[in-house]
Amino acid sequence: MTHFAVFCGASTGHDPVYLEAARSVGRALAERGLGVVYGGGHVGLMGAVADAAMEAGGNVVGVIPGFMTEKEVAHERVSELILVKDM
């Protein structure tokens, strides 16, 4: 296995423990040499996973509907951003 799919929210929630857990997941995957495939956004828990993975040197692939790029939600710094028609 080379990549791990992560599904999580576009918000961080009310308890900071979830944000730290998301960052820990991203870091841990990258440190183990696993890439991250996720929803492609820069916000919320999904953005935290992506950022932490990239900060740890990981490969991050975002898959996001094209209309979300118009709302400026897409993460611009991921290793690869794949635009799809819809969810």
PDB file of N, CA and C in Angstrom:
ATOM      1  N   MET A   1       0.846  -1.165   0.000  1.00  0.00           N
ATOM      2  CA  MET A   1       0.000   0.000   0.000  1.00  0.00           C
ATOM      3  C   MET A   1       0.898   1.236   0.000  1.00  0.00           C
ATOM      4  N   THR A   2       0.562   2.203  -0.860  1.00  0.00           N
ATOM      5  CA  THR A   2       1.369   3.414  -0.942  1.00  0.00           C
ATOM      6  C   THR A   2       0.630   4.661  -0.473  1.00  0.00           C
ATOM      7  N   HIS A   3      -0.697   4.620  -0.514  1.00  0.00           N
ATOM      8  CA  HIS A   3      -1.509   5.767  -0.111  1.00  0.00           C
ATOM      9  C   HIS A   3      -2.630   5.324   0.816  1.00  0.00           C
ATOM     10  N   PHE A   4      -3.077   6.253   1.614  1.00  0.00           N
ATOM     11  CA  PHE A   4      -4.133   6.002   2.586  1.00  0.00           C
ATOM     12  C   PHE A   4      -5.204   7.064   2.366  1.00  0.00           C
ATOM     13  N   ALA A   5      -6.460   6.653   2.172  1.00  0.00           N
ATOM     14  CA  ALA A   5      -7.558   7.608   1.970  1.00  0.00           C
ATOM     15  C   ALA A   5      -8.070   8.090   3.320  1.00  0.00           C
ATOM     16  N   VAL A   6      -8.249   9.398   3.432  1.00  0.00           N
ATOM     17  CA  VAL A   6      -8.721  10.007   4.670  1.00  0.00           C
ATOM     18  C   VAL A   6     -10.001  10.780   4.373  1.00  0.00           C
ATOM     19  N   PHE A   7     -11.046  10.505   5.135  1.00  0.00           N
ATOM     20  CA  PHE A   7     -12.312  11.220   5.023  1.00  0.00           C
ATOM     21  C   PHE A   7     -12.551  11.954   6.332  1.00  0.00           C
ATOM     22  N   CYS A   8     -12.648  13.264   6.273  1.00  0.00           N
ATOM     23  CA  CYS A   8     -12.945  14.037   7.481  1.00  0.00           C
ATOM     24  C   CYS A   8     -13.561  15.374   7.081  1.00  0.00           C
ATOM     25  N   GLY A   9     -13.937  16.154   8.065  1.00  0.00           N
ATOM     26  CA  GLY A   9     -14.735  17.349   7.847  1.00  0.00           C
ATOM     27  C   GLY A   9     -13.997  18.567   7.318  1.00  0.00           C
ATOM     28  N   ALA A  10     -14.808  19.484   6.783  1.00  0.00           N
ATOM     29  CA  ALA A  10     -14.314  20.767   6.307  1.00  0.00           C
ATOM     30  C   ALA A  10     -14.370  21.820   7.409  1.00  0.00           C
ATOM     31  N   SER A  11     -14.700  21.398   8.623  1.00  0.00           N
ATOM     32  CA  SER A  11     -14.624  22.295   9.780  1.00  0.00           C
ATOM     33  C   SER A  11     -13.775  21.596  10.837  1.00  0.00           C
ATOM     34  N   THR A  12     -13.357  22.337  11.839  1.00  0.00           N
ATOM     35  CA  THR A  12     -12.506  21.750  12.873  1.00  0.00           C
ATOM     36  C   THR A  12     -13.293  21.281  14.082  1.00  0.00           C
ATOM     37  N   GLY A  13     -14.575  21.618  14.142  1.00  0.00           N
ATOM     38  CA  GLY A  13     -15.377  21.225  15.295  1.00  0.00           C
ATOM     39  C   GLY A  13     -15.134  22.148  16.475  1.00  0.00           C
ATOM     40  N   HIS A  14     -15.745  21.819  17.597  1.00  0.00           N
ATOM     41  CA  HIS A  14     -15.676  22.686  18.775  1.00  0.00           C
ATOM     42  C   HIS A  14     -14.591  22.286  19.765  1.00  0.00           C
ATOM     43  N   ASP A  15     -14.113  21.069  19.659  1.00  0.00           N
ATOM     44  CA  ASP A  15     -13.118  20.576  20.613  1.00  0.00           C
ATOM     45  C   ASP A  15     -11.762  20.488  19.916  1.00  0.00           C
ATOM     46  N   PRO A  16     -10.755  21.202  20.398  1.00  0.00           N
ATOM     47  CA  PRO A  16      -9.439  21.201  19.746  1.00  0.00           C
ATOM     48  C   PRO A  16      -8.773  19.832  19.675  1.00  0.00           C
ATOM     49  N   VAL A  17      -9.266  18.868  20.436  1.00  0.00           N
ATOM     50  CA  VAL A  17      -8.679  17.527  20.404  1.00  0.00           C
ATOM     51  C   VAL A  17      -8.798  16.916  19.000  1.00  0.00           C
ATOM     52  N   TYR A  18      -9.872  17.256  18.277  1.00  0.00           N
ATOM     53  CA  TYR A  18     -10.054  16.708  16.933  1.00  0.00           C
ATOM     54  C   TYR A  18      -9.046  17.291  15.949  1.00  0.00           C
ATOM     55  N   LEU A  19      -8.759  18.565  16.084  1.00  0.00           N
ATOM     56  CA  LEU A  19      -7.770  19.196  15.213  1.00  0.00           C
ATOM     57  C   LEU A  19      -6.391  18.585  15.444  1.00  0.00           C
ATOM     58  N   GLU A  20      -6.024  18.390  16.684  1.00  0.00           N
ATOM     59  CA  GLU A  20      -4.725  17.784  16.985  1.00  0.00           C
ATOM     60  C   GLU A  20      -4.671  16.335  16.508  1.00  0.00           C
ATOM     61  N   ALA A  21      -5.784  15.613  16.630  1.00  0.00           N
ATOM     62  CA  ALA A  21      -5.827  14.228  16.142  1.00  0.00           C
ATOM     63  C   ALA A  21      -5.643  14.193  14.625  1.00  0.00           C
ATOM     64  N   ALA A  22      -6.273  15.124  13.914  1.00  0.00           N
ATOM     65  CA  ALA A  22      -6.132  15.185  12.459  1.00  0.00           C
ATOM     66  C   ALA A  22      -4.678  15.448  12.075  1.00  0.00           C
ATOM     67  N   ARG A  23      -4.052  16.374  12.769  1.00  0.00           N
ATOM     68  CA  ARG A  23      -2.638  16.659  12.499  1.00  0.00           C
ATOM     69  C   ARG A  23      -1.761  15.440  12.787  1.00  0.00           C
ATOM     70  N   SER A  24      -2.071  14.749  13.855  1.00  0.00           N
ATOM     71  CA  SER A  24      -1.300  13.547  14.212  1.00  0.00           C
ATOM     72  C   SER A  24      -1.421  12.471  13.146  1.00  0.00           C
ATOM     73  N   VAL A  25      -2.617  12.307  12.597  1.00  0.00           N
ATOM     74  CA  VAL A  25      -2.831  11.316  11.534  1.00  0.00           C
ATOM     75  C   VAL A  25      -1.998  11.680  10.308  1.00  0.00           C
ATOM     76  N   GLY A  26      -2.061  12.928   9.881  1.00  0.00           N
ATOM     77  CA  GLY A  26      -1.285  13.358   8.715  1.00  0.00           C
ATOM     78  C   GLY A  26       0.200  13.145   8.899  1.00  0.00           C
ATOM     79  N   ARG A  27       0.707  13.545  10.058  1.00  0.00           N
ATOM     80  CA  ARG A  27       2.135  13.366  10.376  1.00  0.00           C
ATOM     81  C   ARG A  27       2.524  11.896  10.383  1.00  0.00           C
ATOM     82  N   ALA A  28       1.715  11.080  11.060  1.00  0.00           N
ATOM     83  CA  ALA A  28       2.025   9.651  11.196  1.00  0.00           C
ATOM     84  C   ALA A  28       2.055   8.952   9.839  1.00  0.00           C
ATOM     85  N   LEU A  29       1.118   9.285   8.972  1.00  0.00           N
ATOM     86  CA  LEU A  29       1.103   8.664   7.646  1.00  0.00           C
ATOM     87  C   LEU A  29       2.366   9.025   6.872  1.00  0.00           C
ATOM     88  N   ALA A  30       2.719  10.306   6.873  1.00  0.00           N
ATOM     89  CA  ALA A  30       3.916  10.744   6.146  1.00  0.00           C
ATOM     90  C   ALA A  30       5.177  10.110   6.721  1.00  0.00           C
ATOM     91  N   GLU A  31       5.262  10.042   8.027  1.00  0.00           N
ATOM     92  CA  GLU A  31       6.451   9.459   8.663  1.00  0.00           C
ATOM     93  C   GLU A  31       6.606   7.975   8.344  1.00  0.00           C
ATOM     94  N   ARG A  32       5.509   7.325   7.997  1.00  0.00           N
ATOM     95  CA  ARG A  32       5.543   5.906   7.633  1.00  0.00           C
ATOM     96  C   ARG A  32       5.657   5.696   6.126  1.00  0.00           C
ATOM     97  N   GLY A  33       5.833   6.783   5.395  1.00  0.00           N
ATOM     98  CA  GLY A  33       6.005   6.693   3.952  1.00  0.00           C
ATOM     99  C   GLY A  33       4.719   6.493   3.180  1.00  0.00           C
ATOM    100  N   LEU A  34       3.583   6.747   3.814  1.00  0.00           N
ATOM    101  CA  LEU A  34       2.291   6.599   3.147  1.00  0.00           C
ATOM    102  C   LEU A  34       1.801   7.953   2.657  1.00  0.00           C
ATOM    103  N   GLY A  35       1.365   8.004   1.412  1.00  0.00           N
ATOM    104  CA  GLY A  35       0.758   9.212   0.887  1.00  0.00           C
ATOM    105  C   GLY A  35      -0.672   9.330   1.379  1.00  0.00           C
ATOM    106  N   VAL A  36      -1.212  10.526   1.274  1.00  0.00           N
ATOM    107  CA  VAL A  36      -2.583  10.800   1.700  1.00  0.00           C
ATOM    108  C   VAL A  36      -3.417  11.140   0.477  1.00  0.00           C
ATOM    109  N   VAL A  37      -4.577  10.516   0.357  1.00  0.00           N
ATOM    110  CA  VAL A  37      -5.582  10.887  -0.636  1.00  0.00           C
ATOM    111  C   VAL A  37      -6.772  11.389   0.162  1.00  0.00           C
ATOM    112  N   TYR A  38      -7.255  12.588  -0.166  1.00  0.00           N
ATOM    113  CA  TYR A  38      -8.323  13.180   0.641  1.00  0.00           C
ATOM    114  C   TYR A  38      -9.159  14.125  -0.214  1.00  0.00           C
ATOM    115  N   GLY A  39     -10.084  14.835   0.392  1.00  0.00           N
ATOM    116  CA  GLY A  39     -11.055  15.666  -0.309  1.00  0.00           C
ATOM    117  C   GLY A  39     -10.561  16.930  -0.973  1.00  0.00           C
ATOM    118  N   GLY A  40      -9.295  17.257  -0.850  1.00  0.00           N
ATOM    119  CA  GLY A  40      -8.706  18.344  -1.617  1.00  0.00           C
ATOM    120  C   GLY A  40      -8.864  19.750  -1.069  1.00  0.00           C
ATOM    121  N   GLY A  41      -9.507  19.911   0.078  1.00  0.00           N
ATOM    122  CA  GLY A  41      -9.710  21.243   0.639  1.00  0.00           C
ATOM    123  C   GLY A  41      -8.576  21.690   1.545  1.00  0.00           C
ATOM    124  N   HIS A  42      -8.493  23.004   1.747  1.00  0.00           N
ATOM    125  CA  HIS A  42      -7.470  23.552   2.647  1.00  0.00           C
ATOM    126  C   HIS A  42      -8.055  23.899   4.011  1.00  0.00           C
ATOM    127  N   VAL A  43      -9.332  23.623   4.212  1.00  0.00           N
ATOM    128  CA  VAL A  43     -10.017  24.028   5.443  1.00  0.00           C
ATOM    129  C   VAL A  43     -10.317  22.836   6.341  1.00  0.00           C
ATOM    130  N   GLY A  44     -10.588  23.126   7.589  1.00  0.00           N
ATOM    131  CA  GLY A  44     -11.069  22.131   8.537  1.00  0.00           C
ATOM    132  C   GLY A  44     -10.097  21.012   8.830  1.00  0.00           C
ATOM    133  N   LEU A  45     -10.673  19.893   9.267  1.00  0.00           N
ATOM    134  CA  LEU A  45      -9.862  18.734   9.623  1.00  0.00           C
ATOM    135  C   LEU A  45      -9.131  18.170   8.419  1.00  0.00           C
ATOM    136  N   MET A  46      -9.796  18.199   7.243  1.00  0.00           N
ATOM    137  CA  MET A  46      -9.117  17.657   6.068  1.00  0.00           C
ATOM    138  C   MET A  46      -7.905  18.501   5.702  1.00  0.00           C
ATOM    139  N   GLY A  47      -8.002  19.810   5.844  1.00  0.00           N
ATOM    140  CA  GLY A  47      -6.854  20.671   5.586  1.00  0.00           C
ATOM    141  C   GLY A  47      -5.733  20.434   6.585  1.00  0.00           C
ATOM    142  N   ALA A  48      -6.106  20.166   7.837  1.00  0.00           N
ATOM    143  CA  ALA A  48      -5.109  19.900   8.880  1.00  0.00           C
ATOM    144  C   ALA A  48      -4.343  18.615   8.598  1.00  0.00           C
ATOM    145  N   VAL A  49      -5.050  17.575   8.151  1.00  0.00           N
ATOM    146  CA  VAL A  49      -4.386  16.316   7.792  1.00  0.00           C
ATOM    147  C   VAL A  49      -3.391  16.566   6.660  1.00  0.00           C
ATOM    148  N   ALA A  50      -3.847  17.264   5.620  1.00  0.00           N
ATOM    149  CA  ALA A  50      -2.993  17.530   4.460  1.00  0.00           C
ATOM    150  C   ALA A  50      -1.771  18.360   4.840  1.00  0.00           C
ATOM    151  N   ASP A  51      -1.987  19.433   5.584  1.00  0.00           N
ATOM    152  CA  ASP A  51      -0.871  20.296   5.974  1.00  0.00           C
ATOM    153  C   ASP A  51       0.163  19.536   6.792  1.00  0.00           C
ATOM    154  N   ALA A  52      -0.302  18.770   7.769  1.00  0.00           N
ATOM    155  CA  ALA A  52       0.629  18.027   8.629  1.00  0.00           C
ATOM    156  C   ALA A  52       1.408  16.989   7.830  1.00  0.00           C
ATOM    157  N   ALA A  53       0.736  16.323   6.901  1.00  0.00           N
ATOM    158  CA  ALA A  53       1.425  15.329   6.073  1.00  0.00           C
ATOM    159  C   ALA A  53       2.497  15.995   5.216  1.00  0.00           C
ATOM    160  N   MET A  54       2.154  17.132   4.608  1.00  0.00           N
ATOM    161  CA  MET A  54       3.137  17.825   3.770  1.00  0.00           C
ATOM    162  C   MET A  54       4.290  18.370   4.599  1.00  0.00           C
ATOM    163  N   GLU A  55       3.998  18.895   5.795  1.00  0.00           N
ATOM    164  CA  GLU A  55       5.058  19.400   6.670  1.00  0.00           C
ATOM    165  C   GLU A  55       6.033  18.289   7.059  1.00  0.00           C
ATOM    166  N   ALA A  56       5.529  17.051   7.093  1.00  0.00           N
ATOM    167  CA  ALA A  56       6.373  15.899   7.435  1.00  0.00           C
ATOM    168  C   ALA A  56       6.983  15.262   6.187  1.00  0.00           C
ATOM    169  N   GLY A  57       6.839  15.920   5.034  1.00  0.00           N
ATOM    170  CA  GLY A  57       7.456  15.438   3.805  1.00  0.00           C
ATOM    171  C   GLY A  57       6.637  14.441   3.021  1.00  0.00           C
ATOM    172  N   GLY A  58       5.358  14.321   3.332  1.00  0.00           N
ATOM    173  CA  GLY A  58       4.504  13.340   2.672  1.00  0.00           C
ATOM    174  C   GLY A  58       3.946  13.799   1.341  1.00  0.00           C
ATOM    175  N   ASN A  59       3.495  12.840   0.567  1.00  0.00           N
ATOM    176  CA  ASN A  59       2.825  13.070  -0.707  1.00  0.00           C
ATOM    177  C   ASN A  59       1.333  13.176  -0.436  1.00  0.00           C
ATOM    178  N   VAL A  60       0.700  14.253  -0.913  1.00  0.00           N
ATOM    179  CA  VAL A  60      -0.718  14.478  -0.648  1.00  0.00           C
ATOM    180  C   VAL A  60      -1.446  14.707  -1.965  1.00  0.00           C
ATOM    181  N   VAL A  61      -2.470  13.887  -2.214  1.00  0.00           N
ATOM    182  CA  VAL A  61      -3.288  13.986  -3.416  1.00  0.00           C
ATOM    183  C   VAL A  61      -4.691  14.404  -2.997  1.00  0.00           C
ATOM    184  N   GLY A  62      -5.142  15.535  -3.522  1.00  0.00           N
ATOM    185  CA  GLY A  62      -6.495  16.005  -3.249  1.00  0.00           C
ATOM    186  C   GLY A  62      -7.398  15.705  -4.427  1.00  0.00           C
ATOM    187  N   VAL A  63      -8.604  15.247  -4.146  1.00  0.00           N
ATOM    188  CA  VAL A  63      -9.606  14.989  -5.182  1.00  0.00           C
ATOM    189  C   VAL A  63     -10.806  15.859  -4.833  1.00  0.00           C
ATOM    190  N   ILE A  64     -11.126  16.817  -5.705  1.00  0.00           N
ATOM    191  CA  ILE A  64     -12.141  17.807  -5.363  1.00  0.00           C
ATOM    192  C   ILE A  64     -12.987  18.152  -6.587  1.00  0.00           C
ATOM    193  N   PRO A  65     -14.290  18.362  -6.394  1.00  0.00           N
ATOM    194  CA  PRO A  65     -15.130  18.808  -7.509  1.00  0.00           C
ATOM    195  C   PRO A  65     -14.675  20.186  -8.001  1.00  0.00           C
ATOM    196  N   GLY A  66     -14.698  20.379  -9.298  1.00  0.00           N
ATOM    197  CA  GLY A  66     -14.246  21.632  -9.890  1.00  0.00           C
ATOM    198  C   GLY A  66     -14.941  22.860  -9.332  1.00  0.00           C
ATOM    199  N   PHE A  67     -16.240  22.753  -9.025  1.00  0.00           N
ATOM    200  CA  PHE A  67     -16.962  23.921  -8.528  1.00  0.00           C
ATOM    201  C   PHE A  67     -16.423  24.399  -7.178  1.00  0.00           C
ATOM    202  N   MET A  68     -15.757  23.511  -6.436  1.00  0.00           N
ATOM    203  CA  MET A  68     -15.197  23.913  -5.148  1.00  0.00           C
ATOM    204  C   MET A  68     -13.979  24.820  -5.332  1.00  0.00           C
ATOM    205  N   THR A  69     -13.315  24.726  -6.476  1.00  0.00           N
ATOM    206  CA  THR A  69     -12.178  25.614  -6.715  1.00  0.00           C
ATOM    207  C   THR A  69     -12.666  27.049  -6.905  1.00  0.00           C
ATOM    208  N   GLU A  70     -13.883  27.202  -7.433  1.00  0.00           N
ATOM    209  CA  GLU A  70     -14.462  28.534  -7.612  1.00  0.00           C
ATOM    210  C   GLU A  70     -14.770  29.183  -6.267  1.00  0.00           C
ATOM    211  N   LYS A  71     -15.005  28.380  -5.253  1.00  0.00           N
ATOM    212  CA  LYS A  71     -15.291  28.890  -3.907  1.00  0.00           C
ATOM    213  C   LYS A  71     -14.009  29.065  -3.096  1.00  0.00           C
ATOM    214  N   GLU A  72     -12.863  28.870  -3.749  1.00  0.00           N
ATOM    215  CA  GLU A  72     -11.544  29.020  -3.135  1.00  0.00           C
ATOM    216  C   GLU A  72     -11.341  28.101  -1.937  1.00  0.00           C
ATOM    217  N   VAL A  73     -11.853  26.880  -2.047  1.00  0.00           N
ATOM    218  CA  VAL A  73     -11.710  25.901  -0.978  1.00  0.00           C
ATOM    219  C   VAL A  73     -10.568  24.930  -1.274  1.00  0.00           C
ATOM    220  N   ALA A  74     -10.202  24.801  -2.544  1.00  0.00           N
ATOM    221  CA  ALA A  74      -9.168  23.831  -2.929  1.00  0.00           C
ATOM    222  C   ALA A  74      -7.816  24.194  -2.323  1.00  0.00           C
ATOM    223  N   HIS A  75      -7.084  23.171  -1.937  1.00  0.00           N
ATOM    224  CA  HIS A  75      -5.743  23.348  -1.360  1.00  0.00           C
ATOM    225  C   HIS A  75      -4.762  23.536  -2.509  1.00  0.00           C
ATOM    226  N   GLU A  76      -4.080  24.636  -2.540  1.00  0.00           N
ATOM    227  CA  GLU A  76      -3.180  24.971  -3.649  1.00  0.00           C
ATOM    228  C   GLU A  76      -1.796  24.343  -3.522  1.00  0.00           C
ATOM    229  N   ARG A  77      -1.447  23.843  -2.338  1.00  0.00           N
ATOM    230  CA  ARG A  77      -0.075  23.365  -2.135  1.00  0.00           C
ATOM    231  C   ARG A  77       0.075  21.846  -2.143  1.00  0.00           C
ATOM    232  N   VAL A  78      -0.997  21.106  -2.383  1.00  0.00           N
ATOM    233  CA  VAL A  78      -0.877  19.646  -2.356  1.00  0.00           C
ATOM    234  C   VAL A  78       0.005  19.168  -3.500  1.00  0.00           C
ATOM    235  N   SER A  79       0.511  17.957  -3.359  1.00  0.00           N
ATOM    236  CA  SER A  79       1.391  17.381  -4.377  1.00  0.00           C
ATOM    237  C   SER A  79       0.678  17.252  -5.714  1.00  0.00           C
ATOM    238  N   GLU A  80      -0.593  16.884  -5.658  1.00  0.00           N
ATOM    239  CA  GLU A  80      -1.405  16.733  -6.871  1.00  0.00           C
ATOM    240  C   GLU A  80      -2.849  17.044  -6.517  1.00  0.00           C
ATOM    241  N   LEU A  81      -3.512  17.846  -7.355  1.00  0.00           N
ATOM    242  CA  LEU A  81      -4.922  18.172  -7.156  1.00  0.00           C
ATOM    243  C   LEU A  81      -5.690  17.667  -8.368  1.00  0.00           C
ATOM    244  N   ILE A  82      -6.596  16.738  -8.143  1.00  0.00           N
ATOM    245  CA  ILE A  82      -7.397  16.153  -9.217  1.00  0.00           C
ATOM    246  C   ILE A  82      -8.791  16.760  -9.154  1.00  0.00           C
ATOM    247  N   LEU A  83      -9.192  17.413 -10.247  1.00  0.00           N
ATOM    248  CA  LEU A  83     -10.522  18.002 -10.322  1.00  0.00           C
ATOM    249  C   LEU A  83     -11.480  16.999 -10.945  1.00  0.00           C
ATOM    250  N   VAL A  84     -12.623  16.821 -10.303  1.00  0.00           N
ATOM    251  CA  VAL A  84     -13.648  15.911 -10.808  1.00  0.00           C
ATOM    252  C   VAL A  84     -14.930  16.695 -11.048  1.00  0.00           C
ATOM    253  N   LYS A  85     -15.859  16.087 -11.780  1.00  0.00           N
ATOM    254  CA  LYS A  85     -17.092  16.777 -12.160  1.00  0.00           C
ATOM    255  C   LYS A  85     -17.984  17.076 -10.960  1.00  0.00           C
ATOM    256  N   ASP A  86     -18.170  16.090 -10.103  1.00  0.00           N
ATOM    257  CA  ASP A  86     -19.046  16.269  -8.942  1.00  0.00           C
ATOM    258  C   ASP A  86     -18.615  15.338  -7.823  1.00  0.00           C
ATOM    259  N   MET A  87     -19.350  15.382  -6.732  1.00  0.00           N
ATOM    260  CA  MET A  87     -18.991  14.553  -5.592  1.00  0.00           C
ATOM    261  C   MET A  87     -19.360  13.116  -5.857  1.00  0.00           C
TER     262      MET A  87
END
